[in-house]
Amino acid sequence: MAQWRLIARDGADSLGEGTLWSARDKAVYWVDILAPALNRLSLESGAIERFAMPEPLGWVAERAAGGFIGGFQSGFAEISLDPLTITPFGDPEPHFPGNRMNDGKADAQGHIWCGTMDMSEEHDRGSLYRLAPDRSWRVVDSDYRVSNGPCFSPCGTWLYHSDTAKKQMYRFRRTESGATAREPFIRFGEEDGYPDGMTVDEEGHIWVAHWGGSRISRFTPDGRLDRAIAMPARQVTNITFAGPDLNRMFVSSATIGLDDPTPYDGGFFEVDSGVRGLPTPLYAG
């Protein structure tokens, strides 16, 4: 029996990413970076809404004060829905106009950690940033081709982050001011595809989406493969736990680069993982 079900909707995502559970809205959000658009799935009604965006949007993080912060190609912005308003407030990379935001999440201390990338995927011009509640930002790490998937251990000690193009996941020890230097953590082989978005469950295991690998995998806190769940989409991109009990997993995917997309490529899925996730932290700024 399949451990997944395809969420029925019109169309598919070109580059689905940035999955986010909002307990406040009782909804799962995810972006379609290159459409560009923000999607919302109500877990109460099952209704799906799609909000057109003015430029590529890599991620959204929920604000404690209401609404969201979004990571656009041109930088950070406040986003409010119903009605839609977008208010930019900072661009960390005006010197790299060919870069865009790619993935990001808030942490339990109210910061947002997010990465950038060269849209052509030709240069190591991406960086990992930490956006503080006062809306200042700093570079934590650099020299990424395709930055992806920041997530955090339940204890808050560890930050996980990947360079998808280099097939490498890194681990950082968190500090009060940021993080220590990265250390190689999990190396992906040719048969694995590429590490994309990820999340952590309540047991501290890391769930990783495999771009080009048609699966999601669960790794132990010391980096050993625990198990994998096969997916019908070839380019699996991001994962979140959702629902009041955080026991519903949702997974995004992409069609970009595929000459012969199937009805599953670019689909949005609910997956039976058998475990629970962690509450979604809110940005304090």
C-alpha atoms as a PDB file:
ATOM      1  CA  MET A   1       0.000   0.000   0.000  1.00  0.00           C
ATOM      2  CA  ALA A   2       1.316   3.436  -0.929  1.00  0.00           C
ATOM      3  CA  GLN A   3       2.305   5.693   1.945  1.00  0.00           C
ATOM      4  CA  TRP A   4       1.293   8.811   0.036  1.00  0.00           C
ATOM      5  CA  ARG A   5      -1.744  10.391  -1.595  1.00  0.00           C
ATOM      6  CA  LEU A   6      -1.777  13.107  -4.211  1.00  0.00           C
ATOM      7  CA  ILE A   7      -3.728  16.215  -3.158  1.00  0.00           C
ATOM      8  CA  ALA A   8      -6.315  16.821  -5.886  1.00  0.00           C
ATOM      9  CA  ARG A   9      -6.120  20.273  -7.464  1.00  0.00           C
ATOM     10  CA  ASP A  10      -5.985  22.029 -10.811  1.00  0.00           C
ATOM     11  CA  GLY A  11      -2.502  22.139 -12.309  1.00  0.00           C
ATOM     12  CA  ALA A  12       0.902  21.443 -10.814  1.00  0.00           C
ATOM     13  CA  ASP A  13       3.838  23.401  -9.423  1.00  0.00           C
ATOM     14  CA  SER A  14       6.754  24.373 -11.615  1.00  0.00           C
ATOM     15  CA  LEU A  15       8.991  24.542  -8.545  1.00  0.00           C
ATOM     16  CA  GLY A  16       7.043  23.707  -5.403  1.00  0.00           C
ATOM     17  CA  GLU A  17       9.036  24.505  -2.248  1.00  0.00           C
ATOM     18  CA  GLY A  18       8.967  26.166   1.165  1.00  0.00           C
ATOM     19  CA  THR A  19       6.301  24.045   2.882  1.00  0.00           C
ATOM     20  CA  LEU A  20       4.988  25.580   6.120  1.00  0.00           C
ATOM     21  CA  TRP A  21       2.327  24.577   8.672  1.00  0.00           C
ATOM     22  CA  SER A  22       0.352  27.447  10.200  1.00  0.00           C
ATOM     23  CA  ALA A  23      -1.493  26.410  13.369  1.00  0.00           C
ATOM     24  CA  ARG A  24      -3.055  29.883  13.450  1.00  0.00           C
ATOM     25  CA  ASP A  25      -4.607  29.490   9.997  1.00  0.00           C
ATOM     26  CA  LYS A  26      -5.071  25.706  10.233  1.00  0.00           C
ATOM     27  CA  ALA A  27      -3.451  25.591   6.811  1.00  0.00           C
ATOM     28  CA  VAL A  28      -0.377  24.367   4.972  1.00  0.00           C
ATOM     29  CA  TYR A  29       1.422  26.914   2.812  1.00  0.00           C
ATOM     30  CA  TRP A  30       3.963  26.289   0.094  1.00  0.00           C
ATOM     31  CA  VAL A  31       5.485  28.366  -2.686  1.00  0.00           C
ATOM     32  CA  ASP A  32       5.767  27.788  -6.404  1.00  0.00           C
ATOM     33  CA  ILE A  33       9.009  29.719  -6.746  1.00  0.00           C
ATOM     34  CA  LEU A  34       9.100  30.376 -10.469  1.00  0.00           C
ATOM     35  CA  ALA A  35       5.359  30.700 -11.179  1.00  0.00           C
ATOM     36  CA  PRO A  36       5.661  32.746  -8.957  1.00  0.00           C
ATOM     37  CA  ALA A  37       2.920  31.983  -6.430  1.00  0.00           C
ATOM     38  CA  LEU A  38       2.046  31.134  -2.832  1.00  0.00           C
ATOM     39  CA  ASN A  39      -0.321  28.198  -2.262  1.00  0.00           C
ATOM     40  CA  ARG A  40      -2.575  27.604   0.749  1.00  0.00           C
ATOM     41  CA  LEU A  41      -4.292  24.320   1.670  1.00  0.00           C
ATOM     42  CA  SER A  42      -6.947  24.542   4.403  1.00  0.00           C
ATOM     43  CA  LEU A  43      -6.896  21.391   6.530  1.00  0.00           C
ATOM     44  CA  GLU A  44     -10.433  22.158   7.699  1.00  0.00           C
ATOM     45  CA  SER A  45     -12.149  22.499   4.325  1.00  0.00           C
ATOM     46  CA  GLY A  46      -9.587  20.998   1.937  1.00  0.00           C
ATOM     47  CA  ALA A  47      -9.803  24.158  -0.186  1.00  0.00           C
ATOM     48  CA  ILE A  48      -6.679  25.255  -2.056  1.00  0.00           C
ATOM     49  CA  GLU A  49      -5.990  28.900  -2.889  1.00  0.00           C
ATOM     50  CA  ARG A  50      -3.195  30.301  -5.010  1.00  0.00           C
ATOM     51  CA  PHE A  51      -1.861  33.841  -4.629  1.00  0.00           C
ATOM     52  CA  ALA A  52       0.128  35.269  -7.552  1.00  0.00           C
ATOM     53  CA  MET A  53       3.419  36.894  -6.546  1.00  0.00           C
ATOM     54  CA  PRO A  54       5.271  39.711  -8.367  1.00  0.00           C
ATOM     55  CA  GLU A  55       8.641  37.921  -8.484  1.00  0.00           C
ATOM     56  CA  PRO A  56      10.271  34.592  -7.513  1.00  0.00           C
ATOM     57  CA  LEU A  57       9.419  33.723  -3.895  1.00  0.00           C
ATOM     58  CA  GLY A  58      11.647  31.142  -2.168  1.00  0.00           C
ATOM     59  CA  TRP A  59       9.956  30.845   1.234  1.00  0.00           C
ATOM     60  CA  VAL A  60       7.545  32.324   3.734  1.00  0.00           C
ATOM     61  CA  ALA A  61       7.839  32.362   7.532  1.00  0.00           C
ATOM     62  CA  GLU A  62       4.938  33.153   9.837  1.00  0.00           C
ATOM     63  CA  ARG A  63       5.164  36.274  12.027  1.00  0.00           C
ATOM     64  CA  ALA A  64       4.127  36.282  15.666  1.00  0.00           C
ATOM     65  CA  ALA A  65       2.536  39.691  14.998  1.00  0.00           C
ATOM     66  CA  GLY A  66       0.486  38.326  12.087  1.00  0.00           C
ATOM     67  CA  GLY A  67       1.102  37.720   8.413  1.00  0.00           C
ATOM     68  CA  PHE A  68       4.373  36.469   6.983  1.00  0.00           C
ATOM     69  CA  ILE A  69       7.884  37.399   6.021  1.00  0.00           C
ATOM     70  CA  GLY A  70       8.766  36.325   2.485  1.00  0.00           C
ATOM     71  CA  GLY A  71      12.103  35.705   0.827  1.00  0.00           C
ATOM     72  CA  PHE A  72      11.851  37.156  -2.688  1.00  0.00           C
ATOM     73  CA  GLN A  73      14.450  37.450  -5.416  1.00  0.00           C
ATOM     74  CA  SER A  74      14.845  41.106  -4.420  1.00  0.00           C
ATOM     75  CA  GLY A  75      15.077  40.387  -0.683  1.00  0.00           C
ATOM     76  CA  PHE A  76      12.860  40.411   2.395  1.00  0.00           C
ATOM     77  CA  ALA A  77       9.261  41.634   2.522  1.00  0.00           C
ATOM     78  CA  GLU A  78       6.208  41.554   4.757  1.00  0.00           C
ATOM     79  CA  ILE A  79       3.314  39.630   3.237  1.00  0.00           C
ATOM     80  CA  SER A  80      -0.313  39.879   4.313  1.00  0.00           C
ATOM     81  CA  LEU A  81      -3.099  37.872   2.723  1.00  0.00           C
ATOM     82  CA  ASP A  82      -6.834  38.549   2.426  1.00  0.00           C
ATOM     83  CA  PRO A  83      -6.221  41.083   0.903  1.00  0.00           C
ATOM     84  CA  LEU A  84      -2.746  40.547  -0.490  1.00  0.00           C
ATOM     85  CA  THR A  85      -0.198  43.239   0.387  1.00  0.00           C
ATOM     86  CA  ILE A  86       3.586  43.040   0.022  1.00  0.00           C
ATOM     87  CA  THR A  87       5.937  45.482   1.746  1.00  0.00           C
ATOM     88  CA  PRO A  88       9.682  45.082   0.994  1.00  0.00           C
ATOM     89  CA  PHE A  89      12.155  46.070   3.719  1.00  0.00           C
ATOM     90  CA  GLY A  90      15.638  44.847   2.817  1.00  0.00           C
ATOM     91  CA  ASP A  91      17.856  43.325   0.132  1.00  0.00           C
ATOM     92  CA  PRO A  92      20.948  41.492   1.441  1.00  0.00           C
ATOM     93  CA  GLU A  93      22.436  40.976  -2.026  1.00  0.00           C
ATOM     94  CA  PRO A  94      22.061  44.010  -4.304  1.00  0.00           C
ATOM     95  CA  HIS A  95      25.558  43.174  -5.581  1.00  0.00           C
ATOM     96  CA  PHE A  96      24.266  39.842  -6.979  1.00  0.00           C
ATOM     97  CA  PRO A  97      21.209  40.710  -9.098  1.00  0.00           C
ATOM     98  CA  GLY A  98      21.250  37.185 -10.564  1.00  0.00           C
ATOM     99  CA  ASN A  99      20.706  35.628  -7.128  1.00  0.00           C
ATOM    100  CA  ARG A 100      17.430  34.828  -5.392  1.00  0.00           C
ATOM    101  CA  MET A 101      16.239  33.437  -2.059  1.00  0.00           C
ATOM    102  CA  ASN A 102      15.745  29.692  -2.123  1.00  0.00           C
ATOM    103  CA  ASP A 103      14.727  28.254   1.266  1.00  0.00           C
ATOM    104  CA  GLY A 104      14.254  29.518   4.802  1.00  0.00           C
ATOM    105  CA  LYS A 105      12.710  28.889   8.223  1.00  0.00           C
ATOM    106  CA  ALA A 106      12.225  30.592  11.564  1.00  0.00           C
ATOM    107  CA  ASP A 107      13.870  29.180  14.676  1.00  0.00           C
ATOM    108  CA  ALA A 108      12.588  28.922  18.243  1.00  0.00           C
ATOM    109  CA  GLN A 109      14.331  32.193  19.166  1.00  0.00           C
ATOM    110  CA  GLY A 110      12.360  34.149  16.557  1.00  0.00           C
ATOM    111  CA  HIS A 111      15.094  34.518  13.923  1.00  0.00           C
ATOM    112  CA  ILE A 112      14.809  33.472  10.273  1.00  0.00           C
ATOM    113  CA  TRP A 113      17.589  31.434   8.658  1.00  0.00           C
ATOM    114  CA  CYS A 114      17.571  31.520   4.864  1.00  0.00           C
ATOM    115  CA  GLY A 115      19.808  30.841   1.901  1.00  0.00           C
ATOM    116  CA  THR A 116      20.392  32.414  -1.487  1.00  0.00           C
ATOM    117  CA  MET A 117      21.556  30.977  -4.798  1.00  0.00           C
ATOM    118  CA  ASP A 118      22.645  31.917  -8.288  1.00  0.00           C
ATOM    119  CA  MET A 119      19.552  31.466 -10.444  1.00  0.00           C
ATOM    120  CA  SER A 120      21.663  30.067 -13.279  1.00  0.00           C
ATOM    121  CA  GLU A 121      23.204  27.523 -10.860  1.00  0.00           C
ATOM    122  CA  GLU A 122      26.613  28.253 -12.387  1.00  0.00           C
ATOM    123  CA  HIS A 123      28.400  30.128  -9.585  1.00  0.00           C
ATOM    124  CA  ASP A 124      28.986  29.594  -5.856  1.00  0.00           C
ATOM    125  CA  ARG A 125      27.466  32.970  -4.980  1.00  0.00           C
ATOM    126  CA  GLY A 126      24.886  31.810  -2.452  1.00  0.00           C
ATOM    127  CA  SER A 127      25.033  32.482   1.276  1.00  0.00           C
ATOM    128  CA  LEU A 128      23.253  31.456   4.463  1.00  0.00           C
ATOM    129  CA  TYR A 129      21.764  34.409   6.374  1.00  0.00           C
ATOM    130  CA  ARG A 130      20.204  34.947   9.787  1.00  0.00           C
ATOM    131  CA  LEU A 131      17.510  37.629   9.917  1.00  0.00           C
ATOM    132  CA  ALA A 132      17.114  38.950  13.477  1.00  0.00           C
ATOM    133  CA  PRO A 133      13.852  40.196  15.023  1.00  0.00           C
ATOM    134  CA  ASP A 134      15.116  43.786  14.621  1.00  0.00           C
ATOM    135  CA  ARG A 135      15.313  43.056  10.854  1.00  0.00           C
ATOM    136  CA  SER A 136      19.077  43.230  10.700  1.00  0.00           C
ATOM    137  CA  TRP A 137      20.811  40.348   8.957  1.00  0.00           C
ATOM    138  CA  ARG A 138      24.226  38.772   8.890  1.00  0.00           C
ATOM    139  CA  VAL A 139      26.011  36.210   6.724  1.00  0.00           C
ATOM    140  CA  VAL A 140      26.522  32.928   8.593  1.00  0.00           C
ATOM    141  CA  ASP A 141      28.125  30.960   5.739  1.00  0.00           C
ATOM    142  CA  SER A 142      28.860  31.429   2.035  1.00  0.00           C
ATOM    143  CA  ASP A 143      30.059  29.792  -1.215  1.00  0.00           C
ATOM    144  CA  TYR A 144      26.848  27.873  -1.943  1.00  0.00           C
ATOM    145  CA  ARG A 145      25.739  26.873  -5.427  1.00  0.00           C
ATOM    146  CA  VAL A 146      22.170  25.937  -4.376  1.00  0.00           C
ATOM    147  CA  SER A 147      21.505  26.555  -0.680  1.00  0.00           C
ATOM    148  CA  ASN A 148      18.674  24.484   0.724  1.00  0.00           C
ATOM    149  CA  GLY A 149      16.693  23.261   3.680  1.00  0.00           C
ATOM    150  CA  PRO A 150      17.675  24.938   6.920  1.00  0.00           C
ATOM    151  CA  CYS A 151      16.205  23.062   9.879  1.00  0.00           C
ATOM    152  CA  PHE A 152      17.008  22.637  13.555  1.00  0.00           C
ATOM    153  CA  SER A 153      17.399  19.862  16.106  1.00  0.00           C
ATOM    154  CA  PRO A 154      14.711  19.768  18.842  1.00  0.00           C
ATOM    155  CA  CYS A 155      17.282  20.763  21.460  1.00  0.00           C
ATOM    156  CA  GLY A 156      18.262  23.797  19.379  1.00  0.00           C
ATOM    157  CA  THR A 157      21.953  22.867  19.338  1.00  0.00           C
ATOM    158  CA  TRP A 158      22.218  21.899  15.688  1.00  0.00           C
ATOM    159  CA  LEU A 159      21.424  23.629  12.435  1.00  0.00           C
ATOM    160  CA  TYR A 160      21.293  21.536   9.243  1.00  0.00           C
ATOM    161  CA  HIS A 161      21.781  23.088   5.812  1.00  0.00           C
ATOM    162  CA  SER A 162      22.649  21.713   2.363  1.00  0.00           C
ATOM    163  CA  ASP A 163      24.281  22.665  -0.893  1.00  0.00           C
ATOM    164  CA  THR A 164      22.034  20.725  -3.250  1.00  0.00           C
ATOM    165  CA  ALA A 165      24.320  21.059  -6.277  1.00  0.00           C
ATOM    166  CA  LYS A 166      27.266  19.634  -4.317  1.00  0.00           C
ATOM    167  CA  LYS A 167      25.176  16.747  -2.866  1.00  0.00           C
ATOM    168  CA  GLN A 168      26.312  17.732   0.616  1.00  0.00           C
ATOM    169  CA  MET A 169      24.442  18.357   3.836  1.00  0.00           C
ATOM    170  CA  TYR A 170      26.272  20.313   6.527  1.00  0.00           C
ATOM    171  CA  ARG A 171      25.807  20.597  10.264  1.00  0.00           C
ATOM    172  CA  PHE A 172      26.456  23.724  12.353  1.00  0.00           C
ATOM    173  CA  ARG A 173      26.567  24.097  16.120  1.00  0.00           C
ATOM    174  CA  ARG A 174      24.313  26.977  17.106  1.00  0.00           C
ATOM    175  CA  THR A 175      25.740  29.850  19.150  1.00  0.00           C
ATOM    176  CA  GLU A 176      24.176  32.930  20.725  1.00  0.00           C
ATOM    177  CA  SER A 177      25.431  35.086  17.889  1.00  0.00           C
ATOM    178  CA  GLY A 178      24.905  32.613  15.035  1.00  0.00           C
ATOM    179  CA  ALA A 179      26.698  29.333  14.434  1.00  0.00           C
ATOM    180  CA  THR A 180      30.144  27.778  14.352  1.00  0.00           C
ATOM    181  CA  ALA A 181      31.835  26.787  11.093  1.00  0.00           C
ATOM    182  CA  ARG A 182      30.007  24.154   9.076  1.00  0.00           C
ATOM    183  CA  GLU A 183      31.049  20.527   9.141  1.00  0.00           C
ATOM    184  CA  PRO A 184      30.202  17.911   6.485  1.00  0.00           C
ATOM    185  CA  PHE A 185      27.356  15.754   7.784  1.00  0.00           C
ATOM    186  CA  ILE A 186      25.664  13.606   5.108  1.00  0.00           C
ATOM    187  CA  ARG A 187      27.048  13.018   1.613  1.00  0.00           C
ATOM    188  CA  PHE A 188      24.579  11.930  -1.091  1.00  0.00           C
ATOM    189  CA  GLY A 189      25.618   9.364  -3.709  1.00  0.00           C
ATOM    190  CA  GLU A 190      24.804   9.299  -7.411  1.00  0.00           C
ATOM    191  CA  GLU A 191      21.847   6.978  -6.863  1.00  0.00           C
ATOM    192  CA  ASP A 192      20.362   9.320  -4.224  1.00  0.00           C
ATOM    193  CA  GLY A 193      19.644  12.336  -6.360  1.00  0.00           C
ATOM    194  CA  TYR A 194      20.230  15.656  -4.586  1.00  0.00           C
ATOM    195  CA  PRO A 195      19.371  16.792  -1.039  1.00  0.00           C
ATOM    196  CA  ASP A 196      16.618  19.385  -1.189  1.00  0.00           C
ATOM    197  CA  GLY A 197      14.308  20.752   1.524  1.00  0.00           C
ATOM    198  CA  MET A 198      14.163  19.100   4.932  1.00  0.00           C
ATOM    199  CA  THR A 199      12.588  19.088   8.365  1.00  0.00           C
ATOM    200  CA  VAL A 200      13.138  17.465  11.760  1.00  0.00           C
ATOM    201  CA  ASP A 201      10.673  15.260  13.668  1.00  0.00           C
ATOM    202  CA  GLU A 202      10.036  15.195  17.422  1.00  0.00           C
ATOM    203  CA  GLU A 203      12.597  12.404  17.848  1.00  0.00           C
ATOM    204  CA  GLY A 204      15.343  14.556  16.324  1.00  0.00           C
ATOM    205  CA  HIS A 205      15.532  12.614  13.047  1.00  0.00           C
ATOM    206  CA  ILE A 206      16.084  14.593   9.839  1.00  0.00           C
ATOM    207  CA  TRP A 207      13.711  14.119   6.909  1.00  0.00           C
ATOM    208  CA  VAL A 208      15.166  15.028   3.504  1.00  0.00           C
ATOM    209  CA  ALA A 209      13.513  15.434   0.100  1.00  0.00           C
ATOM    210  CA  HIS A 210      15.481  13.905  -2.802  1.00  0.00           C
ATOM    211  CA  TRP A 211      15.516  16.019  -5.961  1.00  0.00           C
ATOM    212  CA  GLY A 212      15.944  13.518  -8.794  1.00  0.00           C
ATOM    213  CA  GLY A 213      15.676  10.671  -6.298  1.00  0.00           C
ATOM    214  CA  SER A 214      11.891  10.065  -6.157  1.00  0.00           C
ATOM    215  CA  ARG A 215      11.793   9.685  -2.385  1.00  0.00           C
ATOM    216  CA  ILE A 216      12.072  11.193   1.040  1.00  0.00           C
ATOM    217  CA  SER A 217      14.493   9.786   3.609  1.00  0.00           C
ATOM    218  CA  ARG A 218      14.772   9.837   7.383  1.00  0.00           C
ATOM    219  CA  PHE A 219      18.239  10.097   8.927  1.00  0.00           C
ATOM    220  CA  THR A 220      19.194   9.590  12.561  1.00  0.00           C
ATOM    221  CA  PRO A 221      20.705  12.479  14.545  1.00  0.00           C
ATOM    222  CA  ASP A 222      24.157  10.993  13.896  1.00  0.00           C
ATOM    223  CA  GLY A 223      23.571  10.921  10.121  1.00  0.00           C
ATOM    224  CA  ARG A 224      22.686   7.255   9.468  1.00  0.00           C
ATOM    225  CA  LEU A 225      19.891   6.400   7.030  1.00  0.00           C
ATOM    226  CA  ASP A 226      16.905   5.164   9.038  1.00  0.00           C
ATOM    227  CA  ARG A 227      14.377   4.573   6.243  1.00  0.00           C
ATOM    228  CA  ALA A 228      13.075   5.920   2.956  1.00  0.00           C
ATOM    229  CA  ILE A 229       9.619   6.398   1.448  1.00  0.00           C
ATOM    230  CA  ALA A 230       9.325   6.133  -2.342  1.00  0.00           C
ATOM    231  CA  MET A 231       7.422   8.954  -4.030  1.00  0.00           C
ATOM    232  CA  PRO A 232       5.837   9.022  -7.505  1.00  0.00           C
ATOM    233  CA  ALA A 233       7.275  12.466  -8.287  1.00  0.00           C
ATOM    234  CA  ARG A 234      10.843  12.524  -9.553  1.00  0.00           C
ATOM    235  CA  GLN A 235      11.845  15.923  -8.190  1.00  0.00           C
ATOM    236  CA  VAL A 236      10.800  15.954  -4.542  1.00  0.00           C
ATOM    237  CA  THR A 237      11.507  19.315  -2.947  1.00  0.00           C
ATOM    238  CA  ASN A 238      10.289  19.981   0.596  1.00  0.00           C
ATOM    239  CA  ILE A 239       8.601  18.494   3.682  1.00  0.00           C
ATOM    240  CA  THR A 240       6.545  19.752   6.618  1.00  0.00           C
ATOM    241  CA  PHE A 241       4.582  18.230   9.486  1.00  0.00           C
ATOM    242  CA  ALA A 242       1.105  19.669   9.966  1.00  0.00           C
ATOM    243  CA  GLY A 243      -2.195  19.308  11.768  1.00  0.00           C
ATOM    244  CA  PRO A 244      -3.163  19.899  15.427  1.00  0.00           C
ATOM    245  CA  ASP A 245      -1.172  16.825  16.475  1.00  0.00           C
ATOM    246  CA  LEU A 246       1.666  17.449  13.980  1.00  0.00           C
ATOM    247  CA  ASN A 247       1.208  13.904  12.665  1.00  0.00           C
ATOM    248  CA  ARG A 248       0.332  14.775   9.054  1.00  0.00           C
ATOM    249  CA  MET A 249       3.241  15.143   6.651  1.00  0.00           C
ATOM    250  CA  PHE A 250       3.033  17.134   3.414  1.00  0.00           C
ATOM    251  CA  VAL A 251       5.562  17.012   0.574  1.00  0.00           C
ATOM    252  CA  SER A 252       6.052  19.296  -2.443  1.00  0.00           C
ATOM    253  CA  SER A 253       7.615  18.588  -5.830  1.00  0.00           C
ATOM    254  CA  ALA A 254       8.524  20.209  -9.158  1.00  0.00           C
ATOM    255  CA  THR A 255       8.132  19.833 -12.920  1.00  0.00           C
ATOM    256  CA  ILE A 256      10.912  22.216 -13.983  1.00  0.00           C
ATOM    257  CA  GLY A 257      13.461  20.569 -16.265  1.00  0.00           C
ATOM    258  CA  LEU A 258      11.239  17.585 -17.095  1.00  0.00           C
ATOM    259  CA  ASP A 259      10.346  17.059 -20.752  1.00  0.00           C
ATOM    260  CA  ASP A 260       7.665  14.490 -19.962  1.00  0.00           C
ATOM    261  CA  PRO A 261       6.051  15.360 -16.604  1.00  0.00           C
ATOM    262  CA  THR A 262       3.599  12.807 -15.252  1.00  0.00           C
ATOM    263  CA  PRO A 263       0.439  13.710 -13.304  1.00  0.00           C
ATOM    264  CA  TYR A 264       2.528  13.250 -10.148  1.00  0.00           C
ATOM    265  CA  ASP A 265       5.431  15.527 -11.034  1.00  0.00           C
ATOM    266  CA  GLY A 266       4.817  18.945  -9.509  1.00  0.00           C
ATOM    267  CA  GLY A 267       2.179  17.416  -7.249  1.00  0.00           C
ATOM    268  CA  PHE A 268       1.547  18.101  -3.583  1.00  0.00           C
ATOM    269  CA  PHE A 269       1.286  15.036  -1.387  1.00  0.00           C
ATOM    270  CA  GLU A 270       0.215  13.888   2.052  1.00  0.00           C
ATOM    271  CA  VAL A 271       2.500  11.140   3.364  1.00  0.00           C
ATOM    272  CA  ASP A 272       1.989   8.619   6.171  1.00  0.00           C
ATOM    273  CA  SER A 273       5.281   8.955   8.045  1.00  0.00           C
ATOM    274  CA  GLY A 274       4.242   7.329  11.328  1.00  0.00           C
ATOM    275  CA  VAL A 275       5.903  10.069  13.405  1.00  0.00           C
ATOM    276  CA  ARG A 276       5.152  13.565  14.635  1.00  0.00           C
ATOM    277  CA  GLY A 277       6.879  16.807  13.843  1.00  0.00           C
ATOM    278  CA  LEU A 278       7.743  19.898  15.837  1.00  0.00           C
ATOM    279  CA  PRO A 279       5.656  23.083  16.222  1.00  0.00           C
ATOM    280  CA  THR A 280       6.314  25.811  13.650  1.00  0.00           C
ATOM    281  CA  PRO A 281       8.381  28.630  15.212  1.00  0.00           C
ATOM    282  CA  LEU A 282       7.270  32.206  14.529  1.00  0.00           C
ATOM    283  CA  TYR A 283       9.434  35.124  13.465  1.00  0.00           C
ATOM    284  CA  ALA A 284       9.556  37.668  16.281  1.00  0.00           C
ATOM    285  CA  GLY A 285      10.141  40.759  14.126  1.00  0.00           C
END
